[in-house]
Every structure is written in C-alpha cells, then in structure tokens.
Amino acid sequence: MILVFRHFFYKNYVGLSLWPFIFLKDDTLKSDATLINHEKIHLRQQLELLVIPFYFLYVLEWLLKTIWYLDSYKAYQNLSFEREAYANEQNEQYLQKRKAFSFMKYLWLGKKA
C-alpha cells in the first residue's frame, strides 16, 4: 500500500518503506516506477528478515559504516540494503528473479556486486 505523507521526510529523501507500506513525499511520486521498485525491493528485504530484524540490522550496519566513513550519508549510500535496491531499481523484473538474501552480496565495503 502506498501512502503520501509530506512531513515525514528529511531533505532529499522522497520514499520510505515500513512494512507493509511505502510512504512517499508527494502524490506525483506514485508514477515513478523506479522509486516504487526501489521501495518494493526494501519491502522484500524486510519480509525475508521477518521485519523487525531488518530494522535492527539496517540501523546496526548504518552505525558501523558511519563510524567507518565518518559520514552518515556515505554510510547510507553503502548499506547493503540500499546498494541492492539502487543497483536493481530500474529492473522491473528483478523481484521475480531475485534470490533470498541477495543483499548479502552487497554487504562488504568496496565490493561491486
């Protein structure tokens, strides 16, 4: 289910997945197939990790990478969950072919998947 909630977002962020919802910054983004696919990839990640552990691992990885990079935005960009979603967001068939726990191959720093 896609919901629009303008006041939920910080700076340039426009979408967020919180199982089972996709929150968007404004109504026009509903037609952005790339963004919606990106958020659907996150929903699949959340589901396969049974939701709550996903959020725990997401925050833990972000904290560790923030320390590693000394930059919270660079840490965000290098999260395994985000790297998988950004790498495959333009492939509308990705979720049909995606293997479980595919984010793992994006986990290691500097590794190009």
N, C-alpha and C. Protein backbone atom coordinates (compact mmCIF):
# COMPACT_ATOMS: atom_id res chain seq x y z
N MET A 1 0.84 -1.17 0.00
CA MET A 1 0.00 0.00 0.00
C MET A 1 0.89 1.24 0.00
N ILE A 2 0.57 2.20 -0.85
CA ILE A 2 1.34 3.43 -0.97
C ILE A 2 0.58 4.57 -0.30
N LEU A 3 1.28 5.28 0.59
CA LEU A 3 0.70 6.41 1.31
C LEU A 3 1.57 7.65 1.08
N VAL A 4 0.93 8.80 1.02
CA VAL A 4 1.65 10.06 0.87
C VAL A 4 1.63 10.78 2.21
N PHE A 5 2.84 11.16 2.65
CA PHE A 5 2.98 11.84 3.93
C PHE A 5 4.12 12.84 3.81
N ARG A 6 3.80 14.06 3.43
CA ARG A 6 4.79 15.09 3.11
C ARG A 6 5.76 15.42 4.25
N HIS A 7 5.30 15.37 5.47
CA HIS A 7 6.10 15.85 6.60
C HIS A 7 6.98 14.78 7.25
N PHE A 8 7.09 13.65 6.61
CA PHE A 8 7.80 12.51 7.16
C PHE A 8 9.26 12.48 6.71
N PHE A 9 9.63 13.34 5.75
CA PHE A 9 10.90 13.19 5.07
C PHE A 9 11.89 14.29 5.36
N TYR A 10 13.15 13.89 5.41
CA TYR A 10 14.28 14.77 5.69
C TYR A 10 15.00 15.09 4.38
N LYS A 11 15.23 16.34 4.12
CA LYS A 11 16.00 16.83 2.96
C LYS A 11 15.55 16.21 1.65
N ASN A 12 16.47 15.49 0.99
CA ASN A 12 16.21 14.97 -0.36
C ASN A 12 15.54 13.61 -0.39
N TYR A 13 15.22 13.05 0.74
CA TYR A 13 14.59 11.74 0.77
C TYR A 13 13.13 11.87 0.32
N VAL A 14 12.70 10.95 -0.54
CA VAL A 14 11.35 11.06 -1.09
C VAL A 14 10.50 9.81 -0.87
N GLY A 15 11.12 8.72 -0.45
CA GLY A 15 10.39 7.48 -0.25
C GLY A 15 10.94 6.69 0.91
N LEU A 16 10.06 5.90 1.51
CA LEU A 16 10.44 5.09 2.67
C LEU A 16 9.51 3.89 2.75
N SER A 17 10.09 2.74 2.99
CA SER A 17 9.30 1.52 3.15
C SER A 17 9.31 1.10 4.61
N LEU A 18 8.15 0.98 5.17
CA LEU A 18 7.96 0.43 6.51
C LEU A 18 6.87 -0.62 6.37
N TRP A 19 7.26 -1.86 6.46
CA TRP A 19 6.36 -2.98 6.18
C TRP A 19 4.99 -2.76 6.79
N PRO A 20 3.93 -2.89 6.04
CA PRO A 20 3.80 -3.21 4.62
C PRO A 20 3.54 -1.98 3.74
N PHE A 21 3.95 -0.82 4.19
CA PHE A 21 3.63 0.42 3.49
C PHE A 21 4.83 1.02 2.78
N ILE A 22 4.54 1.76 1.72
CA ILE A 22 5.50 2.63 1.08
C ILE A 22 4.99 4.04 1.30
N PHE A 23 5.81 4.87 1.93
CA PHE A 23 5.48 6.27 2.17
C PHE A 23 6.22 7.12 1.15
N LEU A 24 5.50 8.06 0.54
CA LEU A 24 6.10 8.96 -0.44
C LEU A 24 5.93 10.40 0.01
N LYS A 25 6.86 11.25 -0.45
CA LYS A 25 6.84 12.65 -0.07
C LYS A 25 5.69 13.42 -0.71
N ASP A 26 5.35 13.06 -1.96
CA ASP A 26 4.18 13.70 -2.58
C ASP A 26 3.51 12.77 -3.59
N ASP A 27 2.31 13.12 -3.94
CA ASP A 27 1.43 12.27 -4.75
C ASP A 27 2.00 11.99 -6.14
N THR A 28 2.75 12.92 -6.71
CA THR A 28 3.28 12.73 -8.06
C THR A 28 4.29 11.58 -8.13
N LEU A 29 4.87 11.23 -7.01
CA LEU A 29 5.87 10.16 -6.98
C LEU A 29 5.27 8.77 -7.18
N LYS A 30 3.96 8.65 -7.06
CA LYS A 30 3.30 7.36 -7.27
C LYS A 30 3.55 6.82 -8.68
N SER A 31 3.82 7.72 -9.62
CA SER A 31 4.04 7.30 -11.01
C SER A 31 5.52 7.06 -11.33
N ASP A 32 6.40 7.22 -10.35
CA ASP A 32 7.83 7.00 -10.55
C ASP A 32 8.13 5.51 -10.36
N ALA A 33 8.15 4.78 -11.48
CA ALA A 33 8.32 3.32 -11.44
C ALA A 33 9.63 2.91 -10.80
N THR A 34 10.70 3.68 -11.02
CA THR A 34 12.00 3.35 -10.45
C THR A 34 11.97 3.46 -8.93
N LEU A 35 11.40 4.55 -8.43
CA LEU A 35 11.29 4.74 -6.98
C LEU A 35 10.42 3.66 -6.34
N ILE A 36 9.29 3.37 -6.96
CA ILE A 36 8.39 2.35 -6.40
C ILE A 36 9.08 0.99 -6.39
N ASN A 37 9.82 0.66 -7.46
CA ASN A 37 10.54 -0.61 -7.49
C ASN A 37 11.62 -0.65 -6.41
N HIS A 38 12.33 0.46 -6.22
CA HIS A 38 13.34 0.56 -5.16
C HIS A 38 12.71 0.25 -3.80
N GLU A 39 11.57 0.85 -3.52
CA GLU A 39 10.90 0.64 -2.24
C GLU A 39 10.34 -0.78 -2.12
N LYS A 40 9.90 -1.36 -3.22
CA LYS A 40 9.42 -2.75 -3.19
C LYS A 40 10.57 -3.72 -2.89
N ILE A 41 11.75 -3.40 -3.36
CA ILE A 41 12.92 -4.23 -3.03
C ILE A 41 13.14 -4.20 -1.52
N HIS A 42 13.00 -3.02 -0.92
CA HIS A 42 13.12 -2.93 0.54
C HIS A 42 12.03 -3.72 1.25
N LEU A 43 10.83 -3.71 0.73
CA LEU A 43 9.75 -4.50 1.35
C LEU A 43 10.08 -5.98 1.32
N ARG A 44 10.67 -6.45 0.23
CA ARG A 44 11.07 -7.86 0.13
C ARG A 44 12.18 -8.16 1.13
N GLN A 45 13.14 -7.26 1.27
CA GLN A 45 14.21 -7.44 2.24
C GLN A 45 13.63 -7.53 3.66
N GLN A 46 12.70 -6.65 3.95
CA GLN A 46 12.07 -6.63 5.28
C GLN A 46 11.32 -7.93 5.54
N LEU A 47 10.59 -8.40 4.55
CA LEU A 47 9.82 -9.63 4.70
C LEU A 47 10.73 -10.84 4.94
N GLU A 48 11.79 -10.96 4.17
CA GLU A 48 12.65 -12.14 4.32
C GLU A 48 13.41 -12.13 5.64
N LEU A 49 13.59 -10.96 6.24
CA LEU A 49 14.25 -10.89 7.54
C LEU A 49 13.23 -10.78 8.68
N LEU A 50 11.98 -11.04 8.38
CA LEU A 50 10.89 -11.05 9.37
C LEU A 50 10.69 -9.67 10.02
N VAL A 51 10.86 -8.64 9.24
CA VAL A 51 10.57 -7.23 9.52
C VAL A 51 11.44 -6.63 10.63
N ILE A 52 11.21 -6.96 11.88
CA ILE A 52 11.93 -6.31 12.99
C ILE A 52 13.45 -6.52 12.89
N PRO A 53 13.93 -7.73 12.62
CA PRO A 53 15.38 -7.90 12.46
C PRO A 53 15.95 -7.06 11.31
N PHE A 54 15.15 -6.83 10.27
CA PHE A 54 15.62 -5.97 9.18
C PHE A 54 15.98 -4.59 9.72
N TYR A 55 15.07 -3.99 10.50
CA TYR A 55 15.31 -2.64 11.02
C TYR A 55 16.53 -2.63 11.95
N PHE A 56 16.67 -3.65 12.76
CA PHE A 56 17.82 -3.76 13.65
C PHE A 56 19.12 -3.81 12.83
N LEU A 57 19.16 -4.68 11.82
CA LEU A 57 20.36 -4.82 11.00
C LEU A 57 20.64 -3.57 10.18
N TYR A 58 19.59 -2.92 9.70
CA TYR A 58 19.74 -1.69 8.92
C TYR A 58 20.42 -0.62 9.78
N VAL A 59 19.91 -0.41 10.98
CA VAL A 59 20.48 0.61 11.88
C VAL A 59 21.89 0.21 12.31
N LEU A 60 22.10 -1.05 12.64
CA LEU A 60 23.43 -1.51 13.05
C LEU A 60 24.46 -1.29 11.94
N GLU A 61 24.10 -1.69 10.73
CA GLU A 61 25.02 -1.50 9.60
C GLU A 61 25.27 -0.02 9.36
N TRP A 62 24.23 0.80 9.46
CA TRP A 62 24.39 2.24 9.29
C TRP A 62 25.34 2.83 10.35
N LEU A 63 25.17 2.42 11.60
CA LEU A 63 26.04 2.92 12.67
C LEU A 63 27.50 2.52 12.42
N LEU A 64 27.72 1.27 12.09
CA LEU A 64 29.09 0.79 11.85
C LEU A 64 29.73 1.50 10.66
N LYS A 65 28.96 1.68 9.60
CA LYS A 65 29.51 2.34 8.41
C LYS A 65 29.66 3.85 8.62
N THR A 66 28.84 4.43 9.47
CA THR A 66 29.02 5.84 9.81
C THR A 66 30.36 6.03 10.53
N ILE A 67 30.67 5.12 11.41
CA ILE A 67 31.97 5.16 12.09
C ILE A 67 33.10 4.93 11.09
N TRP A 68 32.91 3.97 10.21
CA TRP A 68 33.93 3.63 9.22
C TRP A 68 34.22 4.81 8.29
N TYR A 69 33.16 5.42 7.75
CA TYR A 69 33.31 6.51 6.79
C TYR A 69 33.39 7.90 7.44
N LEU A 70 32.99 8.00 8.70
CA LEU A 70 32.87 9.29 9.37
C LEU A 70 31.94 10.24 8.60
N ASP A 71 30.92 9.65 8.00
CA ASP A 71 29.98 10.40 7.17
C ASP A 71 28.68 9.59 7.10
N SER A 72 27.62 10.12 7.70
CA SER A 72 26.37 9.35 7.78
C SER A 72 25.71 9.15 6.42
N TYR A 73 25.84 10.13 5.52
CA TYR A 73 25.22 9.96 4.20
C TYR A 73 25.99 8.93 3.36
N LYS A 74 27.31 8.97 3.44
CA LYS A 74 28.10 7.96 2.72
C LYS A 74 27.81 6.57 3.30
N ALA A 75 27.61 6.51 4.61
CA ALA A 75 27.24 5.24 5.24
C ALA A 75 25.92 4.74 4.67
N TYR A 76 24.93 5.63 4.58
CA TYR A 76 23.63 5.27 4.00
C TYR A 76 23.79 4.74 2.58
N GLN A 77 24.57 5.43 1.77
CA GLN A 77 24.77 5.02 0.38
C GLN A 77 25.43 3.65 0.26
N ASN A 78 26.17 3.25 1.29
CA ASN A 78 26.89 1.99 1.25
C ASN A 78 26.26 0.87 2.06
N LEU A 79 25.06 1.08 2.54
CA LEU A 79 24.34 -0.01 3.22
C LEU A 79 24.04 -1.11 2.22
N SER A 80 24.19 -2.33 2.62
CA SER A 80 23.92 -3.44 1.71
C SER A 80 22.50 -3.40 1.17
N PHE A 81 21.55 -3.03 2.01
CA PHE A 81 20.15 -2.97 1.60
C PHE A 81 19.94 -1.90 0.54
N GLU A 82 20.58 -0.75 0.73
CA GLU A 82 20.46 0.34 -0.24
C GLU A 82 21.22 0.04 -1.53
N ARG A 83 22.39 -0.55 -1.40
CA ARG A 83 23.17 -0.88 -2.59
C ARG A 83 22.41 -1.85 -3.48
N GLU A 84 21.77 -2.85 -2.88
CA GLU A 84 20.98 -3.78 -3.68
C GLU A 84 19.82 -3.06 -4.35
N ALA A 85 19.11 -2.23 -3.60
CA ALA A 85 17.95 -1.54 -4.15
C ALA A 85 18.35 -0.57 -5.27
N TYR A 86 19.41 0.22 -5.05
CA TYR A 86 19.84 1.15 -6.10
C TYR A 86 20.36 0.42 -7.34
N ALA A 87 21.07 -0.67 -7.14
CA ALA A 87 21.64 -1.42 -8.27
C ALA A 87 20.56 -2.04 -9.15
N ASN A 88 19.39 -2.31 -8.57
CA ASN A 88 18.36 -3.06 -9.30
C ASN A 88 17.04 -2.31 -9.46
N GLU A 89 16.98 -1.07 -9.06
CA GLU A 89 15.72 -0.33 -9.07
C GLU A 89 15.15 -0.12 -10.47
N GLN A 90 15.98 -0.11 -11.49
CA GLN A 90 15.48 0.10 -12.85
C GLN A 90 15.06 -1.20 -13.54
N ASN A 91 15.33 -2.31 -12.91
CA ASN A 91 14.97 -3.61 -13.46
C ASN A 91 13.62 -4.04 -12.88
N GLU A 92 12.56 -3.83 -13.64
CA GLU A 92 11.22 -4.13 -13.14
C GLU A 92 10.98 -5.64 -12.95
N GLN A 93 11.85 -6.47 -13.51
CA GLN A 93 11.73 -7.92 -13.37
C GLN A 93 12.56 -8.46 -12.20
N TYR A 94 13.30 -7.58 -11.55
CA TYR A 94 14.25 -8.02 -10.52
C TYR A 94 13.59 -8.84 -9.41
N LEU A 95 12.47 -8.40 -8.90
CA LEU A 95 11.85 -9.10 -7.77
C LEU A 95 11.35 -10.49 -8.16
N GLN A 96 11.03 -10.70 -9.43
CA GLN A 96 10.60 -12.03 -9.87
C GLN A 96 11.78 -13.01 -9.92
N LYS A 97 12.99 -12.48 -10.16
CA LYS A 97 14.17 -13.32 -10.30
C LYS A 97 15.08 -13.30 -9.08
N ARG A 98 14.84 -12.39 -8.17
CA ARG A 98 15.71 -12.18 -7.01
C ARG A 98 15.74 -13.41 -6.11
N LYS A 99 16.95 -13.80 -5.70
CA LYS A 99 17.11 -14.88 -4.73
C LYS A 99 17.05 -14.30 -3.33
N ALA A 100 16.60 -15.10 -2.38
CA ALA A 100 16.50 -14.67 -0.98
C ALA A 100 17.87 -14.23 -0.47
N PHE A 101 17.86 -13.19 0.35
CA PHE A 101 19.05 -12.65 0.99
C PHE A 101 20.09 -12.13 0.00
N SER A 102 19.63 -11.65 -1.14
CA SER A 102 20.54 -11.11 -2.16
C SER A 102 21.31 -9.89 -1.68
N PHE A 103 20.79 -9.21 -0.68
CA PHE A 103 21.50 -8.04 -0.15
C PHE A 103 22.87 -8.42 0.41
N MET A 104 23.06 -9.69 0.78
CA MET A 104 24.32 -10.13 1.39
C MET A 104 25.52 -9.90 0.47
N LYS A 105 25.32 -10.04 -0.83
CA LYS A 105 26.47 -9.86 -1.72
C LYS A 105 26.88 -8.39 -1.84
N TYR A 106 26.08 -7.48 -1.28
CA TYR A 106 26.40 -6.06 -1.27
C TYR A 106 26.94 -5.60 0.09
N LEU A 107 27.12 -6.52 1.00
CA LEU A 107 27.47 -6.19 2.37
C LEU A 107 28.88 -5.64 2.52
N TRP A 108 29.84 -6.21 1.87
CA TRP A 108 31.24 -5.87 2.10
C TRP A 108 31.58 -4.53 1.48
N LEU A 109 32.34 -3.75 2.20
CA LEU A 109 32.76 -2.43 1.74
C LEU A 109 33.58 -2.52 0.48
N GLY A 110 33.26 -1.67 -0.46
CA GLY A 110 34.05 -1.60 -1.68
C GLY A 110 33.79 -2.69 -2.69
N LYS A 111 33.02 -3.70 -2.34
CA LYS A 111 32.75 -4.79 -3.26
C LYS A 111 31.66 -4.36 -4.23
N LYS A 112 31.93 -4.49 -5.50
CA LYS A 112 30.94 -4.19 -6.52
C LYS A 112 30.19 -5.47 -6.85
N ALA A 113 28.88 -5.42 -6.69
CA ALA A 113 28.08 -6.62 -6.94
C ALA A 113 27.49 -6.60 -8.33
